Structure formats: structure tokens, C-alpha cells
Amino acid sequence: MMTNWLMAALLTGGLMAAPAPEPAMTVYKTKTCGCCGKWVEHLRANGFTVNVKEVEGTAEVRKQYGVPDQLASCHTGVIAGYAVEGHVPAAEVRRLLKEKPKAKGISVPGMPLGSPGMEQGPRKDPYSVVLFDEKGGTREYQKYPLTRP
């Protein structure tokens, strides 16, 4: 005989609830960029499905997805309609997908040491993840390294 709590859990989906899978990301990168491959590994290690498309250059891709020139880096990802430019931590991609801000995407401009894919020993330069909109407006989305009280 089934207990009341088990019956309730089955009827409400309590035992069947599983988190929705993250949408797949497409990453555009050049063949010769090693740090781009390391960033893809970081995303995959954090549960993302990543499809890589090797291109001759990423400038056209950035333009197509509305990434402002001042936020450029070495690779561009696209997920759920958002552009993800540069060495953005997986946690911020996940946050973007959860919060769904009105924006074109997020970026870690340049190639800061210590960001995902740019690890080189213990050095971790400070950097910001920047949210940008369709008009090129920006705001800081998250600062790294994270500081804990």
C-alpha cells in the first residue's frame, strides 16, 4: 500500500522533478587559439553542451551577434539568443540563463590571466564580466575574483 506522502509526491511530480538541461552553446573560434579550447573544456566540465565551429576570424561573428568592439575577446559563444564573448565563467553563463536580463549578452573583454581558459599558475588578475545591450550600453555584471565576506 502506498503511503500518503509518496502518493502526493507522485501526483505533484515531486519525485520526478529534474532540472531542465541547459541549452547547447555554439562557440565560434579560430583553429589556432588554445585558450579558446580550454574555455570550451571549462564549460563542458560545468555541465554545458558545447558545439564548436572553427572560423577564419571572429570579427564577423561578433558583429552578427551585436558584441561591441570594446568588449571583444578571442572567441564568441551563442546560447539561448545571448552572445557570450571571451573567457566568461560558467557560473555567469548559468546566471544569465536563469535571470534572462534584457540584453544582447555578456563579455569578459580581452584575455585576463586567471579567467577560465587563461589559467597560468597561481596568478589571477581582477576582471569584470560585462552585460551589454543592443545599443552598446554596458554595466558590470560580476567582478572577479569573487570576494567573500
N, C-alpha and C. Protein backbone atom coordinates (compact mmCIF):
# COMPACT_ATOMS: atom_id res chain seq x y z
N MET A 1 0.84 -1.18 0.00
CA MET A 1 0.00 0.00 0.00
C MET A 1 0.89 1.25 0.00
N MET A 2 0.54 2.24 -0.81
CA MET A 2 1.33 3.45 -0.96
C MET A 2 1.02 4.43 0.18
N THR A 3 2.08 5.01 0.73
CA THR A 3 1.87 6.00 1.79
C THR A 3 1.34 7.30 1.20
N ASN A 4 0.71 8.11 2.05
CA ASN A 4 0.14 9.38 1.58
C ASN A 4 1.21 10.31 1.00
N TRP A 5 2.38 10.38 1.64
CA TRP A 5 3.41 11.29 1.14
C TRP A 5 3.95 10.84 -0.21
N LEU A 6 4.06 9.52 -0.40
CA LEU A 6 4.53 9.00 -1.69
C LEU A 6 3.50 9.27 -2.77
N MET A 7 2.23 9.06 -2.46
CA MET A 7 1.16 9.35 -3.42
C MET A 7 1.17 10.83 -3.80
N ALA A 8 1.30 11.70 -2.80
CA ALA A 8 1.32 13.14 -3.06
C ALA A 8 2.52 13.51 -3.92
N ALA A 9 3.68 12.92 -3.62
CA ALA A 9 4.88 13.23 -4.38
C ALA A 9 4.74 12.79 -5.83
N LEU A 10 4.16 11.62 -6.04
CA LEU A 10 3.96 11.14 -7.40
C LEU A 10 2.96 12.00 -8.16
N LEU A 11 1.89 12.41 -7.51
CA LEU A 11 0.86 13.21 -8.17
C LEU A 11 1.35 14.62 -8.50
N THR A 12 2.21 15.16 -7.67
CA THR A 12 2.69 16.52 -7.91
C THR A 12 4.00 16.54 -8.69
N GLY A 13 4.53 15.38 -8.98
CA GLY A 13 5.79 15.31 -9.71
C GLY A 13 7.00 15.51 -8.82
N GLY A 14 6.81 15.47 -7.51
CA GLY A 14 7.89 15.70 -6.56
C GLY A 14 9.04 14.73 -6.69
N LEU A 15 8.77 13.50 -7.05
CA LEU A 15 9.85 12.53 -7.21
C LEU A 15 10.42 12.54 -8.62
N MET A 16 9.71 13.12 -9.53
CA MET A 16 10.12 13.10 -10.93
C MET A 16 10.81 14.39 -11.36
N ALA A 17 10.75 15.42 -10.52
CA ALA A 17 11.29 16.71 -10.92
C ALA A 17 12.80 16.63 -11.11
N ALA A 18 13.25 16.98 -12.26
CA ALA A 18 14.67 17.05 -12.56
C ALA A 18 14.93 18.41 -13.17
N PRO A 19 16.11 18.97 -12.93
CA PRO A 19 16.39 20.27 -13.52
C PRO A 19 16.39 20.19 -15.04
N ALA A 20 15.88 21.23 -15.66
CA ALA A 20 15.88 21.29 -17.12
C ALA A 20 17.33 21.38 -17.60
N PRO A 21 17.66 20.67 -18.66
CA PRO A 21 19.04 20.75 -19.16
C PRO A 21 19.32 22.14 -19.72
N GLU A 22 20.57 22.54 -19.61
CA GLU A 22 20.98 23.83 -20.17
C GLU A 22 20.89 23.71 -21.70
N PRO A 23 20.53 24.81 -22.37
CA PRO A 23 20.57 24.76 -23.83
C PRO A 23 22.02 24.62 -24.30
N ALA A 24 22.20 24.12 -25.49
CA ALA A 24 23.55 23.97 -26.04
C ALA A 24 24.11 25.33 -26.44
N MET A 25 25.42 25.47 -26.32
CA MET A 25 26.10 26.69 -26.74
C MET A 25 26.90 26.38 -27.99
N THR A 26 26.89 27.30 -28.93
CA THR A 26 27.77 27.22 -30.10
C THR A 26 28.90 28.21 -29.86
N VAL A 27 30.13 27.73 -29.99
CA VAL A 27 31.30 28.59 -29.80
C VAL A 27 32.03 28.72 -31.13
N TYR A 28 32.25 29.98 -31.53
CA TYR A 28 33.00 30.29 -32.74
C TYR A 28 34.41 30.68 -32.32
N LYS A 29 35.40 29.96 -32.87
CA LYS A 29 36.80 30.20 -32.52
C LYS A 29 37.69 29.89 -33.71
N THR A 30 38.90 30.41 -33.66
CA THR A 30 39.86 30.09 -34.71
C THR A 30 40.55 28.77 -34.38
N LYS A 31 41.12 28.13 -35.39
CA LYS A 31 41.78 26.83 -35.22
C LYS A 31 43.00 26.92 -34.31
N THR A 32 43.67 28.05 -34.32
CA THR A 32 44.97 28.15 -33.66
C THR A 32 44.90 28.64 -32.21
N CYS A 33 43.74 28.97 -31.70
CA CYS A 33 43.66 29.54 -30.35
C CYS A 33 43.48 28.46 -29.30
N GLY A 34 44.53 28.23 -28.51
CA GLY A 34 44.49 27.20 -27.46
C GLY A 34 43.63 27.58 -26.28
N CYS A 35 43.63 28.87 -25.92
CA CYS A 35 42.85 29.26 -24.74
C CYS A 35 41.34 29.12 -25.00
N CYS A 36 40.94 29.24 -26.25
CA CYS A 36 39.52 29.05 -26.59
C CYS A 36 39.10 27.61 -26.29
N GLY A 37 39.97 26.67 -26.66
CA GLY A 37 39.70 25.26 -26.39
C GLY A 37 39.63 24.98 -24.89
N LYS A 38 40.48 25.66 -24.12
CA LYS A 38 40.46 25.48 -22.67
C LYS A 38 39.16 26.05 -22.08
N TRP A 39 38.66 27.15 -22.65
CA TRP A 39 37.39 27.72 -22.18
C TRP A 39 36.24 26.74 -22.48
N VAL A 40 36.25 26.14 -23.65
CA VAL A 40 35.24 25.14 -24.01
C VAL A 40 35.30 23.98 -23.01
N GLU A 41 36.50 23.52 -22.65
CA GLU A 41 36.65 22.45 -21.65
C GLU A 41 36.04 22.88 -20.31
N HIS A 42 36.26 24.15 -19.92
CA HIS A 42 35.69 24.69 -18.68
C HIS A 42 34.16 24.61 -18.71
N LEU A 43 33.57 25.01 -19.83
CA LEU A 43 32.11 24.95 -19.95
C LEU A 43 31.61 23.51 -19.86
N ARG A 44 32.25 22.62 -20.58
CA ARG A 44 31.83 21.21 -20.57
C ARG A 44 31.98 20.60 -19.17
N ALA A 45 33.06 20.93 -18.48
CA ALA A 45 33.28 20.44 -17.12
C ALA A 45 32.21 20.94 -16.16
N ASN A 46 31.55 22.04 -16.54
CA ASN A 46 30.49 22.62 -15.72
C ASN A 46 29.10 22.29 -16.25
N GLY A 47 29.01 21.25 -17.07
CA GLY A 47 27.71 20.72 -17.47
C GLY A 47 27.11 21.26 -18.75
N PHE A 48 27.80 22.12 -19.47
CA PHE A 48 27.25 22.66 -20.70
C PHE A 48 27.58 21.75 -21.89
N THR A 49 26.64 21.68 -22.82
CA THR A 49 26.88 21.04 -24.10
C THR A 49 27.38 22.14 -25.03
N VAL A 50 28.53 21.91 -25.65
CA VAL A 50 29.16 22.94 -26.47
C VAL A 50 29.45 22.38 -27.86
N ASN A 51 29.01 23.10 -28.86
CA ASN A 51 29.31 22.78 -30.25
C ASN A 51 30.30 23.82 -30.75
N VAL A 52 31.44 23.38 -31.24
CA VAL A 52 32.49 24.29 -31.68
C VAL A 52 32.46 24.43 -33.20
N LYS A 53 32.52 25.70 -33.65
CA LYS A 53 32.62 25.99 -35.09
C LYS A 53 33.90 26.79 -35.29
N GLU A 54 34.82 26.19 -36.03
CA GLU A 54 36.07 26.89 -36.30
C GLU A 54 35.88 27.83 -37.48
N VAL A 55 36.33 29.07 -37.30
CA VAL A 55 36.18 30.11 -38.31
C VAL A 55 37.54 30.74 -38.56
N GLU A 56 37.67 31.44 -39.69
CA GLU A 56 38.93 32.12 -40.01
C GLU A 56 39.19 33.28 -39.06
N GLY A 57 38.15 33.96 -38.66
CA GLY A 57 38.25 35.09 -37.73
C GLY A 57 36.91 35.27 -37.05
N THR A 58 36.91 35.90 -35.90
CA THR A 58 35.66 36.03 -35.13
C THR A 58 35.01 37.41 -35.25
N ALA A 59 35.63 38.35 -35.94
CA ALA A 59 35.08 39.71 -36.04
C ALA A 59 33.68 39.71 -36.65
N GLU A 60 33.46 38.96 -37.69
CA GLU A 60 32.13 38.92 -38.33
C GLU A 60 31.09 38.30 -37.40
N VAL A 61 31.49 37.29 -36.66
CA VAL A 61 30.58 36.65 -35.71
C VAL A 61 30.19 37.65 -34.62
N ARG A 62 31.19 38.37 -34.07
CA ARG A 62 30.89 39.38 -33.05
C ARG A 62 29.91 40.41 -33.59
N LYS A 63 30.14 40.86 -34.80
CA LYS A 63 29.25 41.85 -35.42
C LYS A 63 27.84 41.29 -35.58
N GLN A 64 27.75 40.05 -36.05
CA GLN A 64 26.45 39.41 -36.26
C GLN A 64 25.63 39.32 -34.96
N TYR A 65 26.31 39.09 -33.84
CA TYR A 65 25.61 38.91 -32.57
C TYR A 65 25.63 40.16 -31.69
N GLY A 66 26.06 41.29 -32.25
CA GLY A 66 25.95 42.56 -31.56
C GLY A 66 26.93 42.82 -30.44
N VAL A 67 28.10 42.19 -30.51
CA VAL A 67 29.12 42.41 -29.47
C VAL A 67 29.87 43.70 -29.81
N PRO A 68 29.83 44.70 -28.91
CA PRO A 68 30.57 45.95 -29.18
C PRO A 68 32.07 45.69 -29.29
N ASP A 69 32.74 46.45 -30.16
CA ASP A 69 34.18 46.26 -30.39
C ASP A 69 34.99 46.35 -29.11
N GLN A 70 34.62 47.25 -28.20
CA GLN A 70 35.40 47.43 -26.97
C GLN A 70 35.28 46.24 -26.01
N LEU A 71 34.36 45.32 -26.29
CA LEU A 71 34.19 44.13 -25.44
C LEU A 71 34.74 42.87 -26.09
N ALA A 72 35.48 43.03 -27.17
CA ALA A 72 35.97 41.88 -27.94
C ALA A 72 36.98 41.05 -27.16
N SER A 73 36.98 39.77 -27.50
CA SER A 73 37.96 38.82 -27.00
C SER A 73 38.29 37.87 -28.14
N CYS A 74 38.71 36.67 -27.84
CA CYS A 74 39.21 35.77 -28.88
C CYS A 74 38.19 34.74 -29.38
N HIS A 75 37.03 34.63 -28.75
CA HIS A 75 36.02 33.68 -29.20
C HIS A 75 34.64 34.20 -28.80
N THR A 76 33.62 33.72 -29.49
CA THR A 76 32.25 34.14 -29.23
C THR A 76 31.37 32.92 -29.11
N GLY A 77 30.61 32.85 -28.02
CA GLY A 77 29.64 31.79 -27.83
C GLY A 77 28.24 32.36 -28.02
N VAL A 78 27.32 31.51 -28.40
CA VAL A 78 25.92 31.90 -28.55
C VAL A 78 25.08 30.84 -27.86
N ILE A 79 24.21 31.30 -26.93
CA ILE A 79 23.36 30.37 -26.18
C ILE A 79 22.04 31.06 -25.86
N ALA A 80 20.95 30.42 -26.18
CA ALA A 80 19.60 30.91 -25.88
C ALA A 80 19.41 32.35 -26.35
N GLY A 81 20.00 32.70 -27.49
CA GLY A 81 19.85 34.04 -28.04
C GLY A 81 20.81 35.08 -27.50
N TYR A 82 21.66 34.71 -26.55
CA TYR A 82 22.64 35.62 -25.97
C TYR A 82 24.02 35.36 -26.56
N ALA A 83 24.81 36.43 -26.71
CA ALA A 83 26.22 36.30 -27.07
C ALA A 83 27.02 36.19 -25.78
N VAL A 84 28.02 35.34 -25.79
CA VAL A 84 28.92 35.18 -24.65
C VAL A 84 30.33 35.35 -25.21
N GLU A 85 30.90 36.52 -24.96
CA GLU A 85 32.18 36.89 -25.56
C GLU A 85 33.32 36.71 -24.58
N GLY A 86 34.31 35.94 -24.97
CA GLY A 86 35.52 35.82 -24.16
C GLY A 86 35.43 34.80 -23.05
N HIS A 87 36.29 34.97 -22.08
CA HIS A 87 36.51 33.97 -21.03
C HIS A 87 35.55 34.13 -19.85
N VAL A 88 34.27 34.06 -20.14
CA VAL A 88 33.22 34.21 -19.13
C VAL A 88 33.11 32.92 -18.31
N PRO A 89 33.13 33.03 -16.98
CA PRO A 89 32.95 31.83 -16.15
C PRO A 89 31.58 31.17 -16.38
N ALA A 90 31.56 29.86 -16.31
CA ALA A 90 30.32 29.10 -16.49
C ALA A 90 29.23 29.57 -15.53
N ALA A 91 29.61 29.94 -14.31
CA ALA A 91 28.63 30.39 -13.33
C ALA A 91 27.87 31.62 -13.82
N GLU A 92 28.55 32.50 -14.55
CA GLU A 92 27.88 33.71 -15.05
C GLU A 92 27.00 33.39 -16.27
N VAL A 93 27.38 32.40 -17.06
CA VAL A 93 26.53 31.96 -18.16
C VAL A 93 25.24 31.37 -17.58
N ARG A 94 25.39 30.54 -16.57
CA ARG A 94 24.22 29.93 -15.91
C ARG A 94 23.32 31.02 -15.31
N ARG A 95 23.94 32.01 -14.66
CA ARG A 95 23.18 33.12 -14.08
C ARG A 95 22.42 33.88 -15.16
N LEU A 96 23.06 34.14 -16.29
CA LEU A 96 22.43 34.83 -17.42
C LEU A 96 21.19 34.07 -17.88
N LEU A 97 21.32 32.75 -18.00
CA LEU A 97 20.19 31.93 -18.45
C LEU A 97 19.07 31.91 -17.42
N LYS A 98 19.41 31.98 -16.16
CA LYS A 98 18.40 31.97 -15.09
C LYS A 98 17.69 33.31 -14.99
N GLU A 99 18.45 34.41 -15.01
CA GLU A 99 17.87 35.74 -14.82
C GLU A 99 17.21 36.29 -16.08
N LYS A 100 17.69 35.88 -17.25
CA LYS A 100 17.17 36.34 -18.54
C LYS A 100 17.03 37.87 -18.62
N PRO A 101 18.14 38.59 -18.39
CA PRO A 101 18.04 40.05 -18.48
C PRO A 101 17.80 40.50 -19.91
N LYS A 102 17.24 41.69 -20.04
CA LYS A 102 17.06 42.26 -21.37
C LYS A 102 18.43 42.76 -21.82
N ALA A 103 19.11 41.96 -22.59
CA ALA A 103 20.48 42.26 -23.01
C ALA A 103 20.81 41.45 -24.25
N LYS A 104 21.89 41.86 -24.92
CA LYS A 104 22.40 41.08 -26.05
C LYS A 104 23.33 39.98 -25.57
N GLY A 105 24.03 40.24 -24.45
CA GLY A 105 24.94 39.22 -23.97
C GLY A 105 25.84 39.70 -22.87
N ILE A 106 26.87 38.88 -22.61
CA ILE A 106 27.88 39.19 -21.60
C ILE A 106 29.26 38.98 -22.19
N SER A 107 30.24 39.65 -21.57
CA SER A 107 31.60 39.58 -22.09
C SER A 107 32.62 39.70 -20.97
N VAL A 108 33.74 39.03 -21.16
CA VAL A 108 34.96 39.32 -20.41
C VAL A 108 35.91 39.86 -21.47
N PRO A 109 36.01 41.19 -21.56
CA PRO A 109 36.86 41.79 -22.60
C PRO A 109 38.32 41.39 -22.43
N GLY A 110 39.01 41.27 -23.55
CA GLY A 110 40.43 40.92 -23.53
C GLY A 110 40.63 39.47 -23.12
N MET A 111 41.73 39.21 -22.50
CA MET A 111 42.09 37.85 -22.12
C MET A 111 42.77 37.88 -20.75
N PRO A 112 42.02 38.22 -19.68
CA PRO A 112 42.66 38.36 -18.36
C PRO A 112 43.20 37.04 -17.81
N LEU A 113 44.41 37.10 -17.28
CA LEU A 113 45.00 35.91 -16.67
C LEU A 113 44.18 35.47 -15.46
N GLY A 114 43.97 34.17 -15.37
CA GLY A 114 43.20 33.61 -14.27
C GLY A 114 41.74 33.40 -14.60
N SER A 115 41.26 33.98 -15.70
CA SER A 115 39.88 33.71 -16.11
C SER A 115 39.83 32.32 -16.72
N PRO A 116 38.63 31.69 -16.81
CA PRO A 116 38.55 30.33 -17.35
C PRO A 116 39.17 30.21 -18.74
N GLY A 117 40.12 29.31 -18.86
CA GLY A 117 40.84 29.12 -20.11
C GLY A 117 42.15 29.89 -20.17
N MET A 118 42.31 30.85 -19.26
CA MET A 118 43.51 31.68 -19.22
C MET A 118 44.32 31.44 -17.95
N GLU A 119 44.17 30.27 -17.34
CA GLU A 119 44.90 29.95 -16.13
C GLU A 119 46.37 29.74 -16.48
N GLN A 120 47.24 30.41 -15.74
CA GLN A 120 48.68 30.27 -15.93
C GLN A 120 49.33 30.39 -14.57
N GLY A 121 49.31 29.29 -13.83
CA GLY A 121 49.86 29.30 -12.48
C GLY A 121 48.89 29.96 -11.51
N PRO A 122 49.40 30.46 -10.41
CA PRO A 122 48.52 30.99 -9.37
C PRO A 122 48.00 32.41 -9.65
N ARG A 123 48.54 33.07 -10.65
CA ARG A 123 48.15 34.47 -10.92
C ARG A 123 46.69 34.55 -11.37
N LYS A 124 45.95 35.46 -10.73
CA LYS A 124 44.56 35.71 -11.09
C LYS A 124 44.35 37.22 -11.11
N ASP A 125 44.41 37.80 -12.30
CA ASP A 125 44.18 39.23 -12.42
C ASP A 125 42.71 39.54 -12.21
N PRO A 126 42.40 40.68 -11.62
CA PRO A 126 40.99 41.05 -11.48
C PRO A 126 40.39 41.37 -12.85
N TYR A 127 39.13 41.03 -13.02
CA TYR A 127 38.41 41.34 -14.26
C TYR A 127 36.92 41.43 -13.97
N SER A 128 36.21 41.98 -14.93
CA SER A 128 34.75 42.09 -14.80
C SER A 128 34.06 41.36 -15.94
N VAL A 129 32.93 40.77 -15.59
CA VAL A 129 32.00 40.25 -16.59
C VAL A 129 31.06 41.41 -16.87
N VAL A 130 30.91 41.77 -18.13
CA VAL A 130 30.14 42.95 -18.53
C VAL A 130 28.88 42.52 -19.28
N LEU A 131 27.74 43.07 -18.88
CA LEU A 131 26.47 42.85 -19.57
C LEU A 131 26.33 43.97 -20.60
N PHE A 132 25.91 43.64 -21.82
CA PHE A 132 25.74 44.68 -22.84
C PHE A 132 24.39 44.53 -23.53
N ASP A 133 23.87 45.69 -23.98
CA ASP A 133 22.56 45.69 -24.63
C ASP A 133 22.69 45.94 -26.13
N GLU A 134 21.54 46.01 -26.81
CA GLU A 134 21.53 46.15 -28.27
C GLU A 134 22.05 47.49 -28.75
N LYS A 135 22.09 48.49 -27.86
CA LYS A 135 22.60 49.82 -28.24
C LYS A 135 24.07 50.01 -27.87
N GLY A 136 24.69 48.98 -27.32
CA GLY A 136 26.08 49.08 -26.92
C GLY A 136 26.28 49.55 -25.50
N GLY A 137 25.18 49.76 -24.77
CA GLY A 137 25.29 50.14 -23.36
C GLY A 137 25.82 48.97 -22.54
N THR A 138 26.58 49.28 -21.50
CA THR A 138 27.19 48.24 -20.69
C THR A 138 27.00 48.52 -19.20
N ARG A 139 27.09 47.45 -18.43
CA ARG A 139 27.17 47.57 -16.97
C ARG A 139 27.90 46.34 -16.44
N GLU A 140 28.55 46.53 -15.30
CA GLU A 140 29.25 45.40 -14.70
C GLU A 140 28.24 44.39 -14.19
N TYR A 141 28.41 43.14 -14.56
CA TYR A 141 27.52 42.06 -14.18
C TYR A 141 28.08 41.31 -12.97
N GLN A 142 29.41 41.13 -12.97
CA GLN A 142 30.08 40.45 -11.86
C GLN A 142 31.56 40.80 -11.89
N LYS A 143 32.16 40.93 -10.73
CA LYS A 143 33.58 41.24 -10.63
C LYS A 143 34.31 39.98 -10.13
N TYR A 144 35.48 39.72 -10.70
CA TYR A 144 36.33 38.59 -10.29
C TYR A 144 37.71 39.10 -9.94
N PRO A 145 38.45 38.45 -9.05
CA PRO A 145 37.98 37.30 -8.31
C PRO A 145 36.86 37.70 -7.35
N LEU A 146 35.98 36.72 -7.11
CA LEU A 146 34.87 36.96 -6.19
C LEU A 146 35.44 37.21 -4.81
N THR A 147 34.84 38.14 -4.10
CA THR A 147 35.27 38.38 -2.73
C THR A 147 34.18 37.90 -1.80
N ARG A 148 34.58 37.22 -0.79
CA ARG A 148 33.64 36.67 0.20
C ARG A 148 33.83 37.42 1.51
N PRO A 149 32.74 37.80 2.19
CA PRO A 149 32.87 38.49 3.49
C PRO A 149 33.47 37.60 4.55
